[in-house]
Amino acid sequence: MLVSLDMSSVLSPAAASLLVSISIIIPTYKEEGHIGRLLCYLHAATQPDEALEILVVDAHSPDDTVTEAQQAGSRVVLSPRKGRAAQLNFGASQATGDILYFLHADTYPPAGFTHDIRAAVAQEAGAGCYRLAFDHPSWFLKANAWFTRFSPEVFRFGDQSLFVRREVFGQAGGYREDMVVFEDQEITRRLRRLAPFRVLPGPIVTSARKYRDNGVWRLQGIYYLITAMYRLGSSQQRMVDVYRTLIRQDKL
C-alpha cells in the first residue's frame, strides 16, 4: 500500500522516511542485455518494500528490452514519444509514488538508496542526486566524477540520477521535451529555485561503455565541446548534430 507524503507532517522524520512511497522511473531504448541485470539488482536491493514501484518507460525498442524487463518482474509502459525527456515525463504521469526517482538504465545506485532518499526528503529536501562513479579504472574519469560532490549545477549530470518530490516536479513543469541533450542539467536549475537540493554522500555507479566504445579522452573532449556550446547558447539541433557526428552510439 502506498502512503501519502502528507503523512510526514504528523510523523517524526525517522518514521516518515519509512513510509513515503517511491517510484523508480527508468527510460529505455535498446537496452536488451542490460536492463534485466539492473532490475534484478534493484529488486534485490529494495525488497521487501510495499511503498516502492519500479517503472520501465520504453520507446518501442526493436529488440527484447520490454520482454527482458517484464521477465525481471517490473511494470513496463510504452512512451508515445522517443527521447529521454519525453519518456521521463510520461513515466512520471504513470507513476504512483510521492517521490519520483529517475534512473538511467545502465546506472546502479548504492545499497540503501531508498532509505537515503526518504531520509533526505524527511529533512526537507525537495530534490537531489548522488555523487557519480564510473565502472572504469581510468584516473581521468575518477577525477571528473570527484567534482560531482559539489553543489553547483555545472557539476550535475543525468547519470547521477534524480529524486524529486512529486509536487515539486509538477511545479517545475517536468522535463523540457524540446531538449535532446542537457535536459538533466536544465531541470536541475529549475528545481533548485523551488526547493532545497541535496547531493547525497554515496556514489552511484554508471557504465562507462560509451567511453570504452569511443575512447576516454576522445569522448570527454567531445562532452567538453558540447558543454561549451550549451553554455554559449547553441541550439539543440546544432548540439545534437555534433553529438551524432562525433560520438559512436545508436540511441540519441
C-alpha atoms as a PDB file:
ATOM      1  CA  MET A   1       0.000   0.000   0.000  1.00  0.00           C
ATOM      2  CA  LEU A   2       1.338   3.431  -0.931  1.00  0.00           C
ATOM      3  CA  VAL A   3       1.246   6.107   1.760  1.00  0.00           C
ATOM      4  CA  SER A   4       0.689   9.788   1.036  1.00  0.00           C
ATOM      5  CA  LEU A   5       3.541  12.216   1.537  1.00  0.00           C
ATOM      6  CA  ASP A   6       1.212  14.335   3.692  1.00  0.00           C
ATOM      7  CA  MET A   7       1.701  11.802   6.490  1.00  0.00           C
ATOM      8  CA  SER A   8       5.164  13.255   7.094  1.00  0.00           C
ATOM      9  CA  SER A   9       3.526  16.327   8.650  1.00  0.00           C
ATOM     10  CA  VAL A  10       2.307  14.252  11.601  1.00  0.00           C
ATOM     11  CA  LEU A  11       5.206  11.803  11.876  1.00  0.00           C
ATOM     12  CA  SER A  12       8.777  12.171  13.028  1.00  0.00           C
ATOM     13  CA  PRO A  13      11.359  12.384  10.201  1.00  0.00           C
ATOM     14  CA  ALA A  14      12.551   8.866  11.030  1.00  0.00           C
ATOM     15  CA  ALA A  15       9.039   7.403  10.806  1.00  0.00           C
ATOM     16  CA  ALA A  16       8.140   9.403   7.705  1.00  0.00           C
ATOM     17  CA  SER A  17      11.262   8.187   5.931  1.00  0.00           C
ATOM     18  CA  LEU A  18       9.970   4.611   6.251  1.00  0.00           C
ATOM     19  CA  LEU A  19       6.554   5.345   4.769  1.00  0.00           C
ATOM     20  CA  VAL A  20       6.911   7.757   1.859  1.00  0.00           C
ATOM     21  CA  SER A  21       6.292   5.999  -1.452  1.00  0.00           C
ATOM     22  CA  ILE A  22       8.895   5.993  -4.229  1.00  0.00           C
ATOM     23  CA  SER A  23       8.516   5.368  -7.953  1.00  0.00           C
ATOM     24  CA  ILE A  24      11.744   4.446  -9.745  1.00  0.00           C
ATOM     25  CA  ILE A  25      11.384   5.561 -13.370  1.00  0.00           C
ATOM     26  CA  ILE A  26      13.804   4.124 -15.937  1.00  0.00           C
ATOM     27  CA  PRO A  27      13.702   5.267 -19.593  1.00  0.00           C
ATOM     28  CA  THR A  28      14.848   2.611 -22.072  1.00  0.00           C
ATOM     29  CA  TYR A  29      15.620   2.170 -25.733  1.00  0.00           C
ATOM     30  CA  LYS A  30      17.533  -0.858 -26.995  1.00  0.00           C
ATOM     31  CA  GLU A  31      18.686  -1.946 -23.536  1.00  0.00           C
ATOM     32  CA  GLU A  32      18.482  -5.698 -24.153  1.00  0.00           C
ATOM     33  CA  GLY A  33      21.202  -7.447 -22.194  1.00  0.00           C
ATOM     34  CA  HIS A  34      21.441  -4.584 -19.698  1.00  0.00           C
ATOM     35  CA  ILE A  35      18.020  -3.751 -18.268  1.00  0.00           C
ATOM     36  CA  GLY A  36      17.445  -7.208 -16.779  1.00  0.00           C
ATOM     37  CA  ARG A  37      20.592  -7.030 -14.671  1.00  0.00           C
ATOM     38  CA  LEU A  38      19.704  -3.596 -13.341  1.00  0.00           C
ATOM     39  CA  LEU A  39      16.157  -4.613 -12.445  1.00  0.00           C
ATOM     40  CA  CYS A  40      17.311  -7.754 -10.656  1.00  0.00           C
ATOM     41  CA  TYR A  41      19.757  -5.609  -8.676  1.00  0.00           C
ATOM     42  CA  LEU A  42      17.053  -3.084  -7.768  1.00  0.00           C
ATOM     43  CA  HIS A  43      14.574  -5.756  -6.686  1.00  0.00           C
ATOM     44  CA  ALA A  44      17.203  -7.482  -4.550  1.00  0.00           C
ATOM     45  CA  ALA A  45      18.365  -4.194  -3.021  1.00  0.00           C
ATOM     46  CA  THR A  46      14.902  -2.909  -2.079  1.00  0.00           C
ATOM     47  CA  GLN A  47      12.709  -5.878  -1.153  1.00  0.00           C
ATOM     48  CA  PRO A  48      10.551  -6.102   0.796  1.00  0.00           C
ATOM     49  CA  ASP A  49       9.225  -2.574   0.286  1.00  0.00           C
ATOM     50  CA  GLU A  50       5.492  -2.182  -0.240  1.00  0.00           C
ATOM     51  CA  ALA A  51       5.882   1.569  -0.797  1.00  0.00           C
ATOM     52  CA  LEU A  52       8.095   1.167  -3.854  1.00  0.00           C
ATOM     53  CA  GLU A  53       7.386   0.639  -7.541  1.00  0.00           C
ATOM     54  CA  ILE A  54       9.764   0.212 -10.473  1.00  0.00           C
ATOM     55  CA  LEU A  55       8.526   1.545 -13.786  1.00  0.00           C
ATOM     56  CA  VAL A  56      10.325   0.980 -17.097  1.00  0.00           C
ATOM     57  CA  VAL A  57       9.361   3.507 -19.797  1.00  0.00           C
ATOM     58  CA  ASP A  58      10.310   2.089 -23.166  1.00  0.00           C
ATOM     59  CA  ALA A  59      10.384   3.920 -26.508  1.00  0.00           C
ATOM     60  CA  HIS A  60       9.228   0.929 -28.582  1.00  0.00           C
ATOM     61  CA  SER A  61      12.629  -0.749 -28.648  1.00  0.00           C
ATOM     62  CA  PRO A  62      13.085  -3.063 -31.664  1.00  0.00           C
ATOM     63  CA  ASP A  63      14.955  -5.613 -29.517  1.00  0.00           C
ATOM     64  CA  ASP A  64      13.849  -7.615 -26.456  1.00  0.00           C
ATOM     65  CA  THR A  65      14.160  -4.787 -23.934  1.00  0.00           C
ATOM     66  CA  VAL A  66      10.468  -4.940 -22.985  1.00  0.00           C
ATOM     67  CA  THR A  67      10.405  -8.723 -22.640  1.00  0.00           C
ATOM     68  CA  GLU A  68      13.562  -8.687 -20.546  1.00  0.00           C
ATOM     69  CA  ALA A  69      12.145  -6.007 -18.228  1.00  0.00           C
ATOM     70  CA  GLN A  70       8.862  -7.854 -17.810  1.00  0.00           C
ATOM     71  CA  GLN A  71      10.622 -11.141 -17.092  1.00  0.00           C
ATOM     72  CA  ALA A  72      12.582  -9.326 -14.383  1.00  0.00           C
ATOM     73  CA  GLY A  73       9.271  -8.537 -12.694  1.00  0.00           C
ATOM     74  CA  SER A  74       8.905  -4.845 -13.491  1.00  0.00           C
ATOM     75  CA  ARG A  75       5.999  -2.882 -14.855  1.00  0.00           C
ATOM     76  CA  VAL A  76       6.599  -1.600 -18.394  1.00  0.00           C
ATOM     77  CA  VAL A  77       4.793   1.244 -20.165  1.00  0.00           C
ATOM     78  CA  LEU A  78       5.353   2.322 -23.752  1.00  0.00           C
ATOM     79  CA  SER A  79       6.043   6.011 -24.241  1.00  0.00           C
ATOM     80  CA  PRO A  80       4.171   7.753 -27.076  1.00  0.00           C
ATOM     81  CA  ARG A  81       7.386   9.623 -27.883  1.00  0.00           C
ATOM     82  CA  LYS A  82      11.038   8.610 -28.011  1.00  0.00           C
ATOM     83  CA  GLY A  83      13.502  10.816 -26.158  1.00  0.00           C
ATOM     84  CA  ARG A  84      14.699  10.817 -22.582  1.00  0.00           C
ATOM     85  CA  ALA A  85      12.781  13.935 -21.502  1.00  0.00           C
ATOM     86  CA  ALA A  86       9.525  12.753 -23.086  1.00  0.00           C
ATOM     87  CA  GLN A  87       9.899   9.273 -21.624  1.00  0.00           C
ATOM     88  CA  LEU A  88      10.663  10.590 -18.145  1.00  0.00           C
ATOM     89  CA  ASN A  89       7.651  12.912 -18.222  1.00  0.00           C
ATOM     90  CA  PHE A  90       5.418  10.090 -19.408  1.00  0.00           C
ATOM     91  CA  GLY A  91       6.773   7.814 -16.702  1.00  0.00           C
ATOM     92  CA  ALA A  92       6.042  10.466 -14.081  1.00  0.00           C
ATOM     93  CA  SER A  93       2.457  10.690 -15.333  1.00  0.00           C
ATOM     94  CA  GLN A  94       2.054   6.922 -14.941  1.00  0.00           C
ATOM     95  CA  ALA A  95       3.826   6.612 -11.599  1.00  0.00           C
ATOM     96  CA  THR A  96       2.045   6.440  -8.250  1.00  0.00           C
ATOM     97  CA  GLY A  97       4.813   7.381  -5.835  1.00  0.00           C
ATOM     98  CA  ASP A  98       5.130  10.571  -3.819  1.00  0.00           C
ATOM     99  CA  ILE A  99       8.829  10.662  -4.662  1.00  0.00           C
ATOM    100  CA  LEU A 100       9.900  10.252  -8.283  1.00  0.00           C
ATOM    101  CA  TYR A 101      13.341   8.721  -8.760  1.00  0.00           C
ATOM    102  CA  PHE A 102      14.689   8.996 -12.310  1.00  0.00           C
ATOM    103  CA  LEU A 103      17.394   6.465 -13.095  1.00  0.00           C
ATOM    104  CA  HIS A 104      19.359   5.591 -16.238  1.00  0.00           C
ATOM    105  CA  ALA A 105      19.227   2.010 -17.469  1.00  0.00           C
ATOM    106  CA  ASP A 106      22.980   1.489 -17.041  1.00  0.00           C
ATOM    107  CA  THR A 107      23.378   3.107 -13.626  1.00  0.00           C
ATOM    108  CA  TYR A 108      23.378   1.384 -10.228  1.00  0.00           C
ATOM    109  CA  PRO A 109      22.501   3.281  -7.037  1.00  0.00           C
ATOM    110  CA  PRO A 110      24.276   2.310  -3.815  1.00  0.00           C
ATOM    111  CA  ALA A 111      22.867  -0.105  -1.258  1.00  0.00           C
ATOM    112  CA  GLY A 112      20.307   1.615   0.952  1.00  0.00           C
ATOM    113  CA  PHE A 113      19.423   4.215  -1.658  1.00  0.00           C
ATOM    114  CA  THR A 114      15.689   4.192  -0.855  1.00  0.00           C
ATOM    115  CA  HIS A 115      16.485   4.944   2.788  1.00  0.00           C
ATOM    116  CA  ASP A 116      18.852   7.753   1.728  1.00  0.00           C
ATOM    117  CA  ILE A 117      16.198   9.342  -0.472  1.00  0.00           C
ATOM    118  CA  ARG A 118      13.400   9.066   2.074  1.00  0.00           C
ATOM    119  CA  ALA A 119      15.627  10.466   4.809  1.00  0.00           C
ATOM    120  CA  ALA A 120      16.644  13.430   2.618  1.00  0.00           C
ATOM    121  CA  VAL A 121      13.007  14.225   1.840  1.00  0.00           C
ATOM    122  CA  ALA A 122      12.086  13.916   5.526  1.00  0.00           C
ATOM    123  CA  GLN A 123      14.796  16.518   6.183  1.00  0.00           C
ATOM    124  CA  GLU A 124      13.100  18.953   3.766  1.00  0.00           C
ATOM    125  CA  ALA A 125      14.993  18.200   0.544  1.00  0.00           C
ATOM    126  CA  GLY A 126      12.758  18.761  -2.468  1.00  0.00           C
ATOM    127  CA  ALA A 127      15.109  17.086  -4.930  1.00  0.00           C
ATOM    128  CA  GLY A 128      18.606  15.709  -5.158  1.00  0.00           C
ATOM    129  CA  CYS A 129      21.016  13.195  -6.597  1.00  0.00           C
ATOM    130  CA  TYR A 130      24.062  11.047  -5.825  1.00  0.00           C
ATOM    131  CA  ARG A 131      27.729  11.634  -6.444  1.00  0.00           C
ATOM    132  CA  LEU A 132      28.991   9.876  -9.563  1.00  0.00           C
ATOM    133  CA  ALA A 133      31.398   6.990 -10.123  1.00  0.00           C
ATOM    134  CA  PHE A 134      32.262   5.003 -13.269  1.00  0.00           C
ATOM    135  CA  ASP A 135      32.832   1.268 -13.640  1.00  0.00           C
ATOM    136  CA  HIS A 136      36.183   2.034 -15.262  1.00  0.00           C
ATOM    137  CA  PRO A 137      39.676   2.311 -13.710  1.00  0.00           C
ATOM    138  CA  SER A 138      40.623   5.497 -15.604  1.00  0.00           C
ATOM    139  CA  TRP A 139      42.081   8.106 -13.246  1.00  0.00           C
ATOM    140  CA  PHE A 140      40.745  10.774 -15.593  1.00  0.00           C
ATOM    141  CA  LEU A 141      37.153   9.589 -15.191  1.00  0.00           C
ATOM    142  CA  LYS A 142      37.670   9.317 -11.435  1.00  0.00           C
ATOM    143  CA  ALA A 143      38.892  12.908 -11.370  1.00  0.00           C
ATOM    144  CA  ASN A 144      35.890  14.112 -13.351  1.00  0.00           C
ATOM    145  CA  ALA A 145      33.498  12.180 -11.116  1.00  0.00           C
ATOM    146  CA  TRP A 146      35.132  13.622  -7.987  1.00  0.00           C
ATOM    147  CA  PHE A 147      33.719  17.066  -8.766  1.00  0.00           C
ATOM    148  CA  THR A 148      30.123  15.788  -8.625  1.00  0.00           C
ATOM    149  CA  ARG A 149      30.234  16.013  -4.821  1.00  0.00           C
ATOM    150  CA  PHE A 150      29.902  19.790  -5.140  1.00  0.00           C
ATOM    151  CA  SER A 151      26.609  21.623  -5.308  1.00  0.00           C
ATOM    152  CA  PRO A 152      26.805  23.932  -8.396  1.00  0.00           C
ATOM    153  CA  GLU A 153      24.572  22.961 -11.304  1.00  0.00           C
ATOM    154  CA  VAL A 154      27.557  22.757 -13.669  1.00  0.00           C
ATOM    155  CA  PHE A 155      28.556  19.520 -11.896  1.00  0.00           C
ATOM    156  CA  ARG A 156      25.157  17.841 -12.386  1.00  0.00           C
ATOM    157  CA  PHE A 157      24.719  15.014 -14.894  1.00  0.00           C
ATOM    158  CA  GLY A 158      21.841  12.669 -15.642  1.00  0.00           C
ATOM    159  CA  ASP A 159      23.929   9.641 -14.698  1.00  0.00           C
ATOM    160  CA  GLN A 160      23.828  10.853 -11.089  1.00  0.00           C
ATOM    161  CA  SER A 161      20.094  10.022 -11.056  1.00  0.00           C
ATOM    162  CA  LEU A 162      17.495  12.461  -9.724  1.00  0.00           C
ATOM    163  CA  PHE A 163      14.972  12.179  -6.924  1.00  0.00           C
ATOM    164  CA  VAL A 164      12.262  14.801  -6.618  1.00  0.00           C
ATOM    165  CA  ARG A 165       9.064  15.177  -4.650  1.00  0.00           C
ATOM    166  CA  ARG A 166       6.093  14.792  -6.973  1.00  0.00           C
ATOM    167  CA  GLU A 167       4.631  18.188  -6.169  1.00  0.00           C
ATOM    168  CA  VAL A 168       7.977  19.916  -6.804  1.00  0.00           C
ATOM    169  CA  PHE A 169       8.300  18.121 -10.147  1.00  0.00           C
ATOM    170  CA  GLY A 170       4.810  19.320 -11.040  1.00  0.00           C
ATOM    171  CA  GLN A 171       5.601  22.889 -10.030  1.00  0.00           C
ATOM    172  CA  ALA A 172       8.690  22.779 -12.250  1.00  0.00           C
ATOM    173  CA  GLY A 173       6.627  21.598 -15.209  1.00  0.00           C
ATOM    174  CA  GLY A 174       8.660  18.438 -15.717  1.00  0.00           C
ATOM    175  CA  TYR A 175      11.466  17.964 -18.202  1.00  0.00           C
ATOM    176  CA  ARG A 176      11.639  20.148 -21.297  1.00  0.00           C
ATOM    177  CA  GLU A 177      10.746  17.794 -24.129  1.00  0.00           C
ATOM    178  CA  ASP A 178      12.239  20.100 -26.749  1.00  0.00           C
ATOM    179  CA  MET A 179      15.666  19.327 -25.271  1.00  0.00           C
ATOM    180  CA  VAL A 180      17.526  16.248 -26.507  1.00  0.00           C
ATOM    181  CA  VAL A 181      20.773  16.976 -24.645  1.00  0.00           C
ATOM    182  CA  PHE A 182      21.338  18.691 -21.264  1.00  0.00           C
ATOM    183  CA  GLU A 183      17.724  18.172 -20.263  1.00  0.00           C
ATOM    184  CA  ASP A 184      19.026  16.885 -16.921  1.00  0.00           C
ATOM    185  CA  GLN A 185      21.091  19.972 -16.103  1.00  0.00           C
ATOM    186  CA  GLU A 186      18.293  22.272 -17.227  1.00  0.00           C
ATOM    187  CA  ILE A 187      15.649  20.769 -14.944  1.00  0.00           C
ATOM    188  CA  THR A 188      18.080  20.747 -12.011  1.00  0.00           C
ATOM    189  CA  ARG A 189      18.443  24.509 -12.374  1.00  0.00           C
ATOM    190  CA  ARG A 190      14.662  24.994 -12.169  1.00  0.00           C
ATOM    191  CA  LEU A 191      14.226  22.568  -9.272  1.00  0.00           C
ATOM    192  CA  ARG A 192      16.804  24.481  -7.216  1.00  0.00           C
ATOM    193  CA  ARG A 193      14.631  27.572  -7.437  1.00  0.00           C
ATOM    194  CA  LEU A 194      11.663  25.718  -5.961  1.00  0.00           C
ATOM    195  CA  ALA A 195      13.083  23.597  -3.146  1.00  0.00           C
ATOM    196  CA  PRO A 196      16.307  22.607  -1.369  1.00  0.00           C
ATOM    197  CA  PHE A 197      18.533  20.350  -3.491  1.00  0.00           C
ATOM    198  CA  ARG A 198      20.645  17.665  -1.794  1.00  0.00           C
ATOM    199  CA  VAL A 199      23.722  15.875  -3.161  1.00  0.00           C
ATOM    200  CA  LEU A 200      23.747  12.570  -1.295  1.00  0.00           C
ATOM    201  CA  PRO A 201      27.144  11.414   0.018  1.00  0.00           C
ATOM    202  CA  GLY A 202      27.333   7.959  -1.571  1.00  0.00           C
ATOM    203  CA  PRO A 203      28.445   7.242  -5.154  1.00  0.00           C
ATOM    204  CA  ILE A 204      26.142   5.934  -7.846  1.00  0.00           C
ATOM    205  CA  VAL A 205      27.976   3.723 -10.360  1.00  0.00           C
ATOM    206  CA  THR A 206      27.315   4.213 -14.057  1.00  0.00           C
ATOM    207  CA  SER A 207      28.510   2.233 -17.035  1.00  0.00           C
ATOM    208  CA  ALA A 208      31.483   3.556 -18.991  1.00  0.00           C
ATOM    209  CA  ARG A 209      30.529   1.537 -22.076  1.00  0.00           C
ATOM    210  CA  LYS A 210      30.291   4.662 -24.226  1.00  0.00           C
ATOM    211  CA  TYR A 211      33.783   5.652 -23.074  1.00  0.00           C
ATOM    212  CA  ARG A 212      35.052   2.194 -23.989  1.00  0.00           C
ATOM    213  CA  ASP A 213      33.469   2.480 -27.440  1.00  0.00           C
ATOM    214  CA  ASN A 214      34.749   5.997 -28.130  1.00  0.00           C
ATOM    215  CA  GLY A 215      37.904   6.287 -26.012  1.00  0.00           C
ATOM    216  CA  VAL A 216      38.001   8.021 -22.637  1.00  0.00           C
ATOM    217  CA  TRP A 217      39.927  11.134 -23.682  1.00  0.00           C
ATOM    218  CA  ARG A 218      38.179  11.492 -27.023  1.00  0.00           C
ATOM    219  CA  LEU A 219      34.654  11.179 -25.586  1.00  0.00           C
ATOM    220  CA  GLN A 220      35.311  13.501 -22.665  1.00  0.00           C
ATOM    221  CA  GLY A 221      36.734  16.063 -25.061  1.00  0.00           C
ATOM    222  CA  ILE A 222      33.537  15.861 -27.106  1.00  0.00           C
ATOM    223  CA  TYR A 223      31.468  16.317 -23.956  1.00  0.00           C
ATOM    224  CA  TYR A 224      33.522  19.401 -23.058  1.00  0.00           C
ATOM    225  CA  LEU A 225      32.870  20.769 -26.546  1.00  0.00           C
ATOM    226  CA  ILE A 226      29.116  20.204 -26.346  1.00  0.00           C
ATOM    227  CA  THR A 227      29.021  21.646 -22.827  1.00  0.00           C
ATOM    228  CA  ALA A 228      30.746  24.802 -24.078  1.00  0.00           C
ATOM    229  CA  MET A 229      28.199  25.012 -26.902  1.00  0.00           C
ATOM    230  CA  TYR A 230      25.362  24.712 -24.371  1.00  0.00           C
ATOM    231  CA  ARG A 231      26.827  27.433 -22.147  1.00  0.00           C
ATOM    232  CA  LEU A 232      27.274  29.714 -25.155  1.00  0.00           C
ATOM    233  CA  GLY A 233      23.642  29.273 -26.175  1.00  0.00           C
ATOM    234  CA  SER A 234      23.940  26.943 -29.186  1.00  0.00           C
ATOM    235  CA  SER A 235      20.696  25.496 -30.481  1.00  0.00           C
ATOM    236  CA  GLN A 236      19.630  21.993 -29.540  1.00  0.00           C
ATOM    237  CA  GLN A 237      19.771  20.959 -33.198  1.00  0.00           C
ATOM    238  CA  ARG A 238      23.365  22.125 -33.552  1.00  0.00           C
ATOM    239  CA  MET A 239      24.431  20.276 -30.397  1.00  0.00           C
ATOM    240  CA  VAL A 240      22.597  17.120 -31.475  1.00  0.00           C
ATOM    241  CA  ASP A 241      24.257  17.287 -34.903  1.00  0.00           C
ATOM    242  CA  VAL A 242      27.702  17.485 -33.281  1.00  0.00           C
ATOM    243  CA  TYR A 243      26.807  14.677 -30.873  1.00  0.00           C
ATOM    244  CA  ARG A 244      25.611  12.342 -33.625  1.00  0.00           C
ATOM    245  CA  THR A 245      28.570  13.152 -35.868  1.00  0.00           C
ATOM    246  CA  LEU A 246      31.315  12.630 -33.301  1.00  0.00           C
ATOM    247  CA  ILE A 247      30.023  10.017 -30.857  1.00  0.00           C
ATOM    248  CA  ARG A 248      29.679   6.360 -31.739  1.00  0.00           C
ATOM    249  CA  GLN A 249      26.255   5.310 -30.459  1.00  0.00           C
ATOM    250  CA  ASP A 250      22.814   4.413 -31.753  1.00  0.00           C
ATOM    251  CA  LYS A 251      20.353   5.802 -29.230  1.00  0.00           C
ATOM    252  CA  LEU A 252      20.196   9.587 -29.339  1.00  0.00           C
END
